[in-house]
Amino acid sequence: MLGNNIVTYRKKLGLSQQQLADRMNVVRQTVSKWEKDLSVPDADALVRLADALDVTVPELLGQPVPEDAGTPEYAAVLAQIAEQLAAQNRRRSRIWKIVAWVLGILLLLNVLNIVGSIIGVTLYQADLSNGPVIHQEQTMMDMDDEIIDDAEDTDAADPAGDAAAEE
């Protein structure tokens, strides 16, 4: 609403965003954000913006101009409208921050997954080059234990078989 009104009144005066920004002593990107409703001017900037566009603040906000426009009550209404616009902007900003955090976390998880895959491949390859020696030693020790266990079992189960084998 406010953004469309800024564009309309700016174009009625034949001003570019840069020219309006120069009148307001702000950067062009600020005017662009106001026009896209990505941010709202504070109460002071809203008054200066209305002056720069040769309109009243209520006209800029899309409100009909009441007769009591100069009263303190009307100023309070304008302040309330400005606060509502600022709250809306804060909500949008908060939502975008949450979206950015979620995307950032997902990106981080993907990077960690990729790095983990690369490290896993590297560790697996390192195990292939160094692993068989350790694996063989462990296997040999396990095999020695199994041979000894088998021999003990055989001796206990068939003492006559050993005597026949010795002859």
N, C-alpha and C. Protein backbone atom coordinates (compact mmCIF):
# COMPACT_ATOMS: atom_id res chain seq x y z
N MET A 1 0.82 -1.18 0.00
CA MET A 1 0.00 0.00 0.00
C MET A 1 0.88 1.25 0.00
N LEU A 2 1.73 1.39 1.03
CA LEU A 2 2.59 2.58 1.10
C LEU A 2 3.55 2.60 -0.08
N GLY A 3 4.13 1.45 -0.40
CA GLY A 3 5.08 1.39 -1.50
C GLY A 3 4.47 1.82 -2.82
N ASN A 4 3.25 1.35 -3.09
CA ASN A 4 2.58 1.75 -4.34
C ASN A 4 2.30 3.25 -4.36
N ASN A 5 1.93 3.80 -3.21
CA ASN A 5 1.66 5.24 -3.15
C ASN A 5 2.94 6.05 -3.37
N ILE A 6 4.03 5.58 -2.83
CA ILE A 6 5.31 6.29 -3.05
C ILE A 6 5.64 6.30 -4.54
N VAL A 7 5.49 5.15 -5.20
CA VAL A 7 5.77 5.07 -6.64
C VAL A 7 4.85 6.02 -7.40
N THR A 8 3.57 5.99 -7.08
CA THR A 8 2.59 6.82 -7.78
C THR A 8 2.92 8.31 -7.65
N TYR A 9 3.13 8.76 -6.43
CA TYR A 9 3.40 10.20 -6.21
C TYR A 9 4.76 10.60 -6.76
N ARG A 10 5.73 9.69 -6.68
CA ARG A 10 7.06 10.00 -7.24
C ARG A 10 6.96 10.18 -8.74
N LYS A 11 6.24 9.28 -9.40
CA LYS A 11 6.11 9.36 -10.86
C LYS A 11 5.27 10.56 -11.28
N LYS A 12 4.28 10.94 -10.46
CA LYS A 12 3.50 12.14 -10.77
C LYS A 12 4.39 13.38 -10.83
N LEU A 13 5.39 13.41 -9.97
CA LEU A 13 6.33 14.54 -9.97
C LEU A 13 7.45 14.36 -10.99
N GLY A 14 7.50 13.20 -11.64
CA GLY A 14 8.54 12.96 -12.63
C GLY A 14 9.92 12.75 -12.01
N LEU A 15 9.93 12.21 -10.80
CA LEU A 15 11.20 12.00 -10.09
C LEU A 15 11.66 10.55 -10.24
N SER A 16 12.96 10.38 -10.32
CA SER A 16 13.53 9.04 -10.27
C SER A 16 13.73 8.67 -8.80
N GLN A 17 14.01 7.41 -8.56
CA GLN A 17 14.30 7.00 -7.18
C GLN A 17 15.50 7.77 -6.64
N GLN A 18 16.50 7.98 -7.48
CA GLN A 18 17.70 8.68 -7.04
C GLN A 18 17.38 10.13 -6.69
N GLN A 19 16.55 10.78 -7.49
CA GLN A 19 16.20 12.17 -7.21
C GLN A 19 15.41 12.28 -5.91
N LEU A 20 14.48 11.36 -5.68
CA LEU A 20 13.74 11.37 -4.42
C LEU A 20 14.68 11.08 -3.26
N ALA A 21 15.59 10.14 -3.44
CA ALA A 21 16.56 9.83 -2.39
C ALA A 21 17.41 11.06 -2.06
N ASP A 22 17.81 11.81 -3.09
CA ASP A 22 18.59 13.02 -2.85
C ASP A 22 17.78 14.04 -2.05
N ARG A 23 16.50 14.18 -2.36
CA ARG A 23 15.63 15.11 -1.61
C ARG A 23 15.49 14.67 -0.16
N MET A 24 15.51 13.35 0.06
CA MET A 24 15.30 12.81 1.41
C MET A 24 16.62 12.62 2.18
N ASN A 25 17.75 12.81 1.51
CA ASN A 25 19.06 12.56 2.11
C ASN A 25 19.21 11.09 2.55
N VAL A 26 18.76 10.20 1.67
CA VAL A 26 18.93 8.76 1.88
C VAL A 26 19.52 8.18 0.60
N VAL A 27 19.90 6.93 0.64
CA VAL A 27 20.41 6.28 -0.56
C VAL A 27 19.25 5.77 -1.41
N ARG A 28 19.50 5.57 -2.67
CA ARG A 28 18.45 5.12 -3.60
C ARG A 28 17.87 3.78 -3.17
N GLN A 29 18.70 2.91 -2.62
CA GLN A 29 18.24 1.58 -2.20
C GLN A 29 17.16 1.68 -1.12
N THR A 30 17.25 2.72 -0.29
CA THR A 30 16.23 2.92 0.75
C THR A 30 14.89 3.22 0.11
N VAL A 31 14.89 4.10 -0.88
CA VAL A 31 13.65 4.42 -1.58
C VAL A 31 13.11 3.16 -2.26
N SER A 32 13.99 2.38 -2.86
CA SER A 32 13.57 1.15 -3.52
C SER A 32 12.92 0.19 -2.52
N LYS A 33 13.51 0.05 -1.34
CA LYS A 33 12.93 -0.83 -0.31
C LYS A 33 11.57 -0.33 0.14
N TRP A 34 11.43 0.99 0.28
CA TRP A 34 10.12 1.54 0.65
C TRP A 34 9.09 1.23 -0.42
N GLU A 35 9.47 1.39 -1.68
CA GLU A 35 8.53 1.16 -2.78
C GLU A 35 8.16 -0.31 -2.92
N LYS A 36 9.04 -1.19 -2.54
CA LYS A 36 8.76 -2.64 -2.62
C LYS A 36 8.15 -3.17 -1.33
N ASP A 37 7.88 -2.28 -0.38
CA ASP A 37 7.35 -2.64 0.94
C ASP A 37 8.25 -3.61 1.69
N LEU A 38 9.54 -3.52 1.45
CA LEU A 38 10.50 -4.34 2.20
C LEU A 38 10.88 -3.68 3.51
N SER A 39 10.69 -2.38 3.58
CA SER A 39 10.89 -1.63 4.82
C SER A 39 9.97 -0.42 4.77
N VAL A 40 9.81 0.20 5.91
CA VAL A 40 8.96 1.40 5.99
C VAL A 40 9.76 2.52 6.63
N PRO A 41 9.48 3.74 6.21
CA PRO A 41 10.18 4.86 6.85
C PRO A 41 9.67 5.06 8.27
N ASP A 42 10.54 5.55 9.15
CA ASP A 42 10.06 5.87 10.49
C ASP A 42 9.17 7.11 10.41
N ALA A 43 8.60 7.51 11.53
CA ALA A 43 7.62 8.61 11.53
C ALA A 43 8.23 9.90 10.98
N ASP A 44 9.46 10.21 11.37
CA ASP A 44 10.11 11.43 10.90
C ASP A 44 10.36 11.35 9.40
N ALA A 45 10.86 10.21 8.92
CA ALA A 45 11.12 10.05 7.49
C ALA A 45 9.82 10.06 6.70
N LEU A 46 8.74 9.57 7.31
CA LEU A 46 7.44 9.56 6.64
C LEU A 46 6.97 10.99 6.39
N VAL A 47 7.17 11.85 7.37
CA VAL A 47 6.79 13.27 7.21
C VAL A 47 7.66 13.92 6.14
N ARG A 48 8.96 13.66 6.19
CA ARG A 48 9.86 14.23 5.17
C ARG A 48 9.54 13.70 3.79
N LEU A 49 9.17 12.41 3.69
CA LEU A 49 8.80 11.80 2.42
C LEU A 49 7.55 12.45 1.85
N ALA A 50 6.56 12.67 2.71
CA ALA A 50 5.34 13.33 2.25
C ALA A 50 5.66 14.73 1.75
N ASP A 51 6.51 15.44 2.46
CA ASP A 51 6.91 16.79 2.02
C ASP A 51 7.64 16.72 0.68
N ALA A 52 8.53 15.76 0.52
CA ALA A 52 9.30 15.64 -0.72
C ALA A 52 8.39 15.30 -1.90
N LEU A 53 7.29 14.61 -1.63
CA LEU A 53 6.36 14.22 -2.69
C LEU A 53 5.18 15.20 -2.83
N ASP A 54 5.21 16.27 -2.03
CA ASP A 54 4.16 17.31 -2.05
C ASP A 54 2.77 16.73 -1.78
N VAL A 55 2.69 15.83 -0.82
CA VAL A 55 1.41 15.28 -0.39
C VAL A 55 1.38 15.28 1.14
N THR A 56 0.22 15.01 1.69
CA THR A 56 0.12 14.89 3.14
C THR A 56 0.45 13.45 3.53
N VAL A 57 0.77 13.27 4.79
CA VAL A 57 1.07 11.93 5.28
C VAL A 57 -0.13 11.00 5.10
N PRO A 58 -1.34 11.44 5.43
CA PRO A 58 -2.49 10.54 5.21
C PRO A 58 -2.65 10.15 3.74
N GLU A 59 -2.42 11.09 2.84
CA GLU A 59 -2.52 10.76 1.40
C GLU A 59 -1.45 9.73 1.04
N LEU A 60 -0.28 9.91 1.58
CA LEU A 60 0.81 8.98 1.31
C LEU A 60 0.47 7.58 1.84
N LEU A 61 -0.20 7.55 2.98
CA LEU A 61 -0.58 6.27 3.58
C LEU A 61 -1.87 5.71 2.99
N GLY A 62 -2.48 6.46 2.08
CA GLY A 62 -3.70 5.98 1.43
C GLY A 62 -4.95 6.23 2.26
N GLN A 63 -4.87 7.15 3.20
CA GLN A 63 -6.01 7.49 4.05
C GLN A 63 -6.65 8.78 3.55
N PRO A 64 -7.96 8.89 3.68
CA PRO A 64 -8.60 10.17 3.34
C PRO A 64 -8.15 11.24 4.32
N VAL A 65 -8.06 12.46 3.85
CA VAL A 65 -7.61 13.56 4.69
C VAL A 65 -8.79 14.09 5.50
N PRO A 66 -8.76 13.91 6.82
CA PRO A 66 -9.83 14.44 7.65
C PRO A 66 -9.62 15.92 7.94
N GLU A 67 -10.67 16.56 8.43
CA GLU A 67 -10.57 18.00 8.74
C GLU A 67 -9.65 18.25 9.93
N ASP A 68 -9.57 17.30 10.84
CA ASP A 68 -8.76 17.48 12.05
C ASP A 68 -7.34 16.97 11.87
N ALA A 69 -6.80 17.09 10.67
CA ALA A 69 -5.48 16.53 10.36
C ALA A 69 -4.36 17.16 11.17
N GLY A 70 -4.56 18.36 11.66
CA GLY A 70 -3.49 19.02 12.41
C GLY A 70 -3.55 18.79 13.90
N THR A 71 -4.46 17.99 14.40
CA THR A 71 -4.63 17.82 15.84
C THR A 71 -3.67 16.78 16.39
N PRO A 72 -3.40 16.84 17.69
CA PRO A 72 -2.53 15.84 18.32
C PRO A 72 -3.11 14.43 18.24
N GLU A 73 -4.46 14.33 18.27
CA GLU A 73 -5.06 13.00 18.17
C GLU A 73 -4.73 12.36 16.82
N TYR A 74 -4.75 13.20 15.81
CA TYR A 74 -4.45 12.67 14.47
C TYR A 74 -2.98 12.27 14.39
N ALA A 75 -2.13 13.01 15.05
CA ALA A 75 -0.71 12.65 15.09
C ALA A 75 -0.53 11.30 15.77
N ALA A 76 -1.34 11.04 16.80
CA ALA A 76 -1.27 9.76 17.49
C ALA A 76 -1.72 8.63 16.55
N VAL A 77 -2.76 8.90 15.76
CA VAL A 77 -3.22 7.91 14.79
C VAL A 77 -2.13 7.61 13.77
N LEU A 78 -1.48 8.67 13.31
CA LEU A 78 -0.39 8.48 12.34
C LEU A 78 0.76 7.68 12.95
N ALA A 79 1.05 7.99 14.20
CA ALA A 79 2.12 7.25 14.88
C ALA A 79 1.73 5.78 15.01
N GLN A 80 0.45 5.52 15.29
CA GLN A 80 -0.02 4.14 15.41
C GLN A 80 0.09 3.43 14.07
N ILE A 81 -0.28 4.11 12.99
CA ILE A 81 -0.18 3.50 11.65
C ILE A 81 1.29 3.21 11.32
N ALA A 82 2.15 4.16 11.63
CA ALA A 82 3.58 3.96 11.36
C ALA A 82 4.11 2.78 12.16
N GLU A 83 3.65 2.63 13.42
CA GLU A 83 4.08 1.51 14.24
C GLU A 83 3.57 0.19 13.69
N GLN A 84 2.34 0.18 13.18
CA GLN A 84 1.80 -1.04 12.57
C GLN A 84 2.60 -1.44 11.34
N LEU A 85 2.95 -0.44 10.53
CA LEU A 85 3.76 -0.73 9.35
C LEU A 85 5.14 -1.26 9.76
N ALA A 86 5.71 -0.67 10.81
CA ALA A 86 7.02 -1.12 11.28
C ALA A 86 6.92 -2.55 11.84
N ALA A 87 5.84 -2.86 12.56
CA ALA A 87 5.65 -4.21 13.11
C ALA A 87 5.52 -5.22 11.97
N GLN A 88 4.77 -4.84 10.93
CA GLN A 88 4.63 -5.72 9.78
C GLN A 88 6.00 -5.97 9.14
N ASN A 89 6.78 -4.93 9.04
CA ASN A 89 8.12 -5.06 8.47
C ASN A 89 9.01 -5.96 9.34
N ARG A 90 8.89 -5.82 10.65
CA ARG A 90 9.69 -6.66 11.55
C ARG A 90 9.29 -8.14 11.41
N ARG A 91 7.99 -8.41 11.27
CA ARG A 91 7.54 -9.79 11.08
C ARG A 91 8.12 -10.37 9.80
N ARG A 92 8.04 -9.58 8.73
CA ARG A 92 8.60 -10.06 7.46
C ARG A 92 10.09 -10.31 7.59
N SER A 93 10.76 -9.39 8.25
CA SER A 93 12.20 -9.54 8.44
C SER A 93 12.51 -10.78 9.25
N ARG A 94 11.73 -11.03 10.30
CA ARG A 94 11.94 -12.20 11.15
C ARG A 94 11.73 -13.48 10.35
N ILE A 95 10.71 -13.50 9.52
CA ILE A 95 10.43 -14.68 8.70
C ILE A 95 11.61 -14.95 7.76
N TRP A 96 12.10 -13.89 7.12
CA TRP A 96 13.23 -14.07 6.20
C TRP A 96 14.48 -14.52 6.94
N LYS A 97 14.66 -14.03 8.17
CA LYS A 97 15.82 -14.48 8.95
C LYS A 97 15.71 -15.96 9.28
N ILE A 98 14.51 -16.39 9.63
CA ILE A 98 14.29 -17.82 9.94
C ILE A 98 14.56 -18.66 8.69
N VAL A 99 14.04 -18.21 7.56
CA VAL A 99 14.27 -18.93 6.31
C VAL A 99 15.77 -18.99 6.01
N ALA A 100 16.46 -17.87 6.22
CA ALA A 100 17.90 -17.84 5.96
C ALA A 100 18.64 -18.81 6.89
N TRP A 101 18.25 -18.86 8.18
CA TRP A 101 18.89 -19.77 9.11
C TRP A 101 18.66 -21.22 8.71
N VAL A 102 17.41 -21.54 8.35
CA VAL A 102 17.10 -22.91 7.96
C VAL A 102 17.91 -23.31 6.73
N LEU A 103 17.95 -22.43 5.74
CA LEU A 103 18.73 -22.71 4.53
C LEU A 103 20.22 -22.84 4.86
N GLY A 104 20.69 -21.98 5.76
CA GLY A 104 22.09 -22.05 6.17
C GLY A 104 22.42 -23.37 6.86
N ILE A 105 21.52 -23.81 7.72
CA ILE A 105 21.74 -25.08 8.41
C ILE A 105 21.71 -26.24 7.42
N LEU A 106 20.76 -26.20 6.49
CA LEU A 106 20.71 -27.26 5.47
C LEU A 106 21.98 -27.27 4.62
N LEU A 107 22.45 -26.10 4.26
CA LEU A 107 23.69 -26.00 3.49
C LEU A 107 24.86 -26.56 4.29
N LEU A 108 24.93 -26.20 5.56
CA LEU A 108 26.01 -26.70 6.42
C LEU A 108 25.96 -28.21 6.54
N LEU A 109 24.75 -28.76 6.72
CA LEU A 109 24.62 -30.21 6.81
C LEU A 109 25.06 -30.88 5.51
N ASN A 110 24.71 -30.29 4.38
CA ASN A 110 25.15 -30.86 3.10
C ASN A 110 26.66 -30.81 2.95
N VAL A 111 27.26 -29.70 3.36
CA VAL A 111 28.72 -29.57 3.28
C VAL A 111 29.36 -30.60 4.20
N LEU A 112 28.84 -30.74 5.42
CA LEU A 112 29.39 -31.73 6.33
C LEU A 112 29.22 -33.15 5.79
N ASN A 113 28.10 -33.39 5.14
CA ASN A 113 27.87 -34.70 4.53
C ASN A 113 28.89 -34.97 3.43
N ILE A 114 29.13 -33.96 2.60
CA ILE A 114 30.10 -34.12 1.52
C ILE A 114 31.50 -34.32 2.09
N VAL A 115 31.86 -33.49 3.07
CA VAL A 115 33.18 -33.62 3.69
C VAL A 115 33.31 -34.98 4.37
N GLY A 116 32.24 -35.41 5.04
CA GLY A 116 32.26 -36.73 5.67
C GLY A 116 32.44 -37.83 4.65
N SER A 117 31.80 -37.69 3.52
CA SER A 117 31.96 -38.70 2.46
C SER A 117 33.39 -38.72 1.96
N ILE A 118 33.96 -37.55 1.78
CA ILE A 118 35.34 -37.47 1.29
C ILE A 118 36.29 -38.04 2.34
N ILE A 119 36.09 -37.68 3.58
CA ILE A 119 36.95 -38.20 4.65
C ILE A 119 36.75 -39.70 4.79
N GLY A 120 35.52 -40.13 4.68
CA GLY A 120 35.24 -41.56 4.77
C GLY A 120 35.95 -42.33 3.68
N VAL A 121 35.97 -41.80 2.46
CA VAL A 121 36.67 -42.45 1.36
C VAL A 121 38.16 -42.44 1.65
N THR A 122 38.67 -41.33 2.11
CA THR A 122 40.09 -41.22 2.41
C THR A 122 40.47 -42.17 3.53
N LEU A 123 39.68 -42.23 4.60
CA LEU A 123 39.99 -43.13 5.69
C LEU A 123 39.89 -44.58 5.23
N TYR A 124 38.92 -44.87 4.40
CA TYR A 124 38.75 -46.23 3.90
C TYR A 124 39.96 -46.61 3.05
N GLN A 125 40.43 -45.69 2.20
CA GLN A 125 41.60 -45.96 1.38
C GLN A 125 42.84 -46.12 2.26
N ALA A 126 42.95 -45.32 3.31
CA ALA A 126 44.08 -45.44 4.21
C ALA A 126 44.03 -46.79 4.92
N ASP A 127 42.82 -47.25 5.27
CA ASP A 127 42.69 -48.55 5.90
C ASP A 127 43.11 -49.66 4.95
N LEU A 128 42.85 -49.48 3.66
CA LEU A 128 43.25 -50.50 2.70
C LEU A 128 44.77 -50.60 2.59
N SER A 129 45.44 -49.45 2.68
CA SER A 129 46.90 -49.50 2.55
C SER A 129 47.56 -49.94 3.85
N ASN A 130 47.02 -49.50 5.00
CA ASN A 130 47.63 -49.87 6.29
C ASN A 130 46.86 -50.98 6.98
N GLY A 131 45.60 -51.10 6.64
CA GLY A 131 44.72 -52.01 7.34
C GLY A 131 45.06 -53.48 7.21
N PRO A 132 45.41 -53.98 6.03
CA PRO A 132 45.63 -55.43 5.93
C PRO A 132 46.69 -55.93 6.87
N VAL A 133 47.73 -55.15 7.14
CA VAL A 133 48.79 -55.61 8.04
C VAL A 133 48.22 -55.79 9.43
N ILE A 134 47.52 -54.80 9.91
CA ILE A 134 46.90 -54.89 11.23
C ILE A 134 45.86 -56.00 11.22
N HIS A 135 45.08 -56.03 10.16
CA HIS A 135 44.03 -57.04 10.05
C HIS A 135 44.64 -58.44 10.02
N GLN A 136 45.74 -58.60 9.29
CA GLN A 136 46.37 -59.91 9.21
C GLN A 136 46.93 -60.31 10.56
N GLU A 137 47.56 -59.37 11.27
CA GLU A 137 48.09 -59.68 12.59
C GLU A 137 46.98 -60.10 13.52
N GLN A 138 45.90 -59.37 13.50
CA GLN A 138 44.77 -59.72 14.35
C GLN A 138 44.22 -61.08 13.93
N THR A 139 44.17 -61.31 12.64
CA THR A 139 43.66 -62.58 12.14
C THR A 139 44.58 -63.72 12.55
N MET A 140 45.87 -63.49 12.47
CA MET A 140 46.82 -64.53 12.85
C MET A 140 46.69 -64.82 14.35
N MET A 141 46.55 -63.80 15.17
CA MET A 141 46.40 -64.01 16.60
C MET A 141 45.10 -64.75 16.87
N ASP A 142 44.05 -64.34 16.18
CA ASP A 142 42.77 -65.03 16.35
C ASP A 142 42.89 -66.48 15.89
N MET A 143 43.61 -66.67 14.78
CA MET A 143 43.77 -68.03 14.27
C MET A 143 44.59 -68.86 15.24
N ASP A 144 45.63 -68.30 15.84
CA ASP A 144 46.43 -69.02 16.83
C ASP A 144 45.55 -69.46 17.99
N ASP A 145 44.71 -68.53 18.47
CA ASP A 145 43.79 -68.86 19.57
C ASP A 145 42.84 -69.97 19.16
N GLU A 146 42.34 -69.91 17.93
CA GLU A 146 41.40 -70.92 17.45
C GLU A 146 42.10 -72.27 17.30
N ILE A 147 43.34 -72.27 16.82
CA ILE A 147 44.09 -73.51 16.65
C ILE A 147 44.35 -74.14 18.01
N ILE A 148 44.74 -73.29 18.96
CA ILE A 148 45.01 -73.82 20.32
C ILE A 148 43.72 -74.36 20.91
N ASP A 149 42.62 -73.62 20.75
CA ASP A 149 41.33 -74.09 21.27
C ASP A 149 40.92 -75.39 20.60
N ASP A 150 41.11 -75.47 19.29
CA ASP A 150 40.75 -76.69 18.56
C ASP A 150 41.61 -77.87 19.02
N ALA A 151 42.89 -77.60 19.23
CA ALA A 151 43.79 -78.67 19.66
C ALA A 151 43.40 -79.17 21.04
N GLU A 152 43.07 -78.26 21.92
CA GLU A 152 42.66 -78.66 23.27
C GLU A 152 41.38 -79.48 23.20
N ASP A 153 40.44 -79.02 22.34
CA ASP A 153 39.17 -79.75 22.21
C ASP A 153 39.43 -81.15 21.64
N THR A 154 40.30 -81.23 20.67
CA THR A 154 40.59 -82.51 20.02
C THR A 154 41.28 -83.44 21.00
N ASP A 155 42.27 -82.93 21.76
CA ASP A 155 42.98 -83.75 22.73
C ASP A 155 42.03 -84.28 23.80
N ALA A 156 41.14 -83.44 24.22
CA ALA A 156 40.22 -83.85 25.28
C ALA A 156 39.21 -84.85 24.75
N ALA A 157 38.79 -84.69 23.50
CA ALA A 157 37.74 -85.54 22.95
C ALA A 157 38.28 -86.88 22.47
N ASP A 158 39.51 -86.95 21.91
CA ASP A 158 40.02 -88.18 21.29
C ASP A 158 41.48 -88.39 21.66
N PRO A 159 41.77 -88.80 22.88
CA PRO A 159 43.16 -89.03 23.22
C PRO A 159 43.77 -90.19 22.45
N ALA A 160 43.00 -91.15 22.00
CA ALA A 160 43.52 -92.29 21.26
C ALA A 160 43.89 -91.90 19.85
N GLY A 161 43.20 -90.93 19.31
CA GLY A 161 43.49 -90.47 17.96
C GLY A 161 44.87 -89.84 17.88
N ASP A 162 45.31 -89.18 18.95
CA ASP A 162 46.62 -88.55 18.96
C ASP A 162 47.72 -89.62 19.02
N ALA A 163 47.44 -90.67 19.75
CA ALA A 163 48.42 -91.73 19.88
C ALA A 163 48.57 -92.45 18.56
N ALA A 164 47.46 -92.62 17.84
CA ALA A 164 47.53 -93.28 16.54
C ALA A 164 48.21 -92.41 15.52
N ALA A 165 48.05 -91.13 15.65
CA ALA A 165 48.68 -90.22 14.71
C ALA A 165 50.18 -90.18 14.95
N GLU A 166 50.64 -90.40 16.19
CA GLU A 166 52.05 -90.34 16.48
C GLU A 166 52.74 -91.59 15.94
N GLU A 167 52.10 -92.68 15.79
CA GLU A 167 52.71 -93.92 15.33
C GLU A 167 52.84 -93.90 13.87
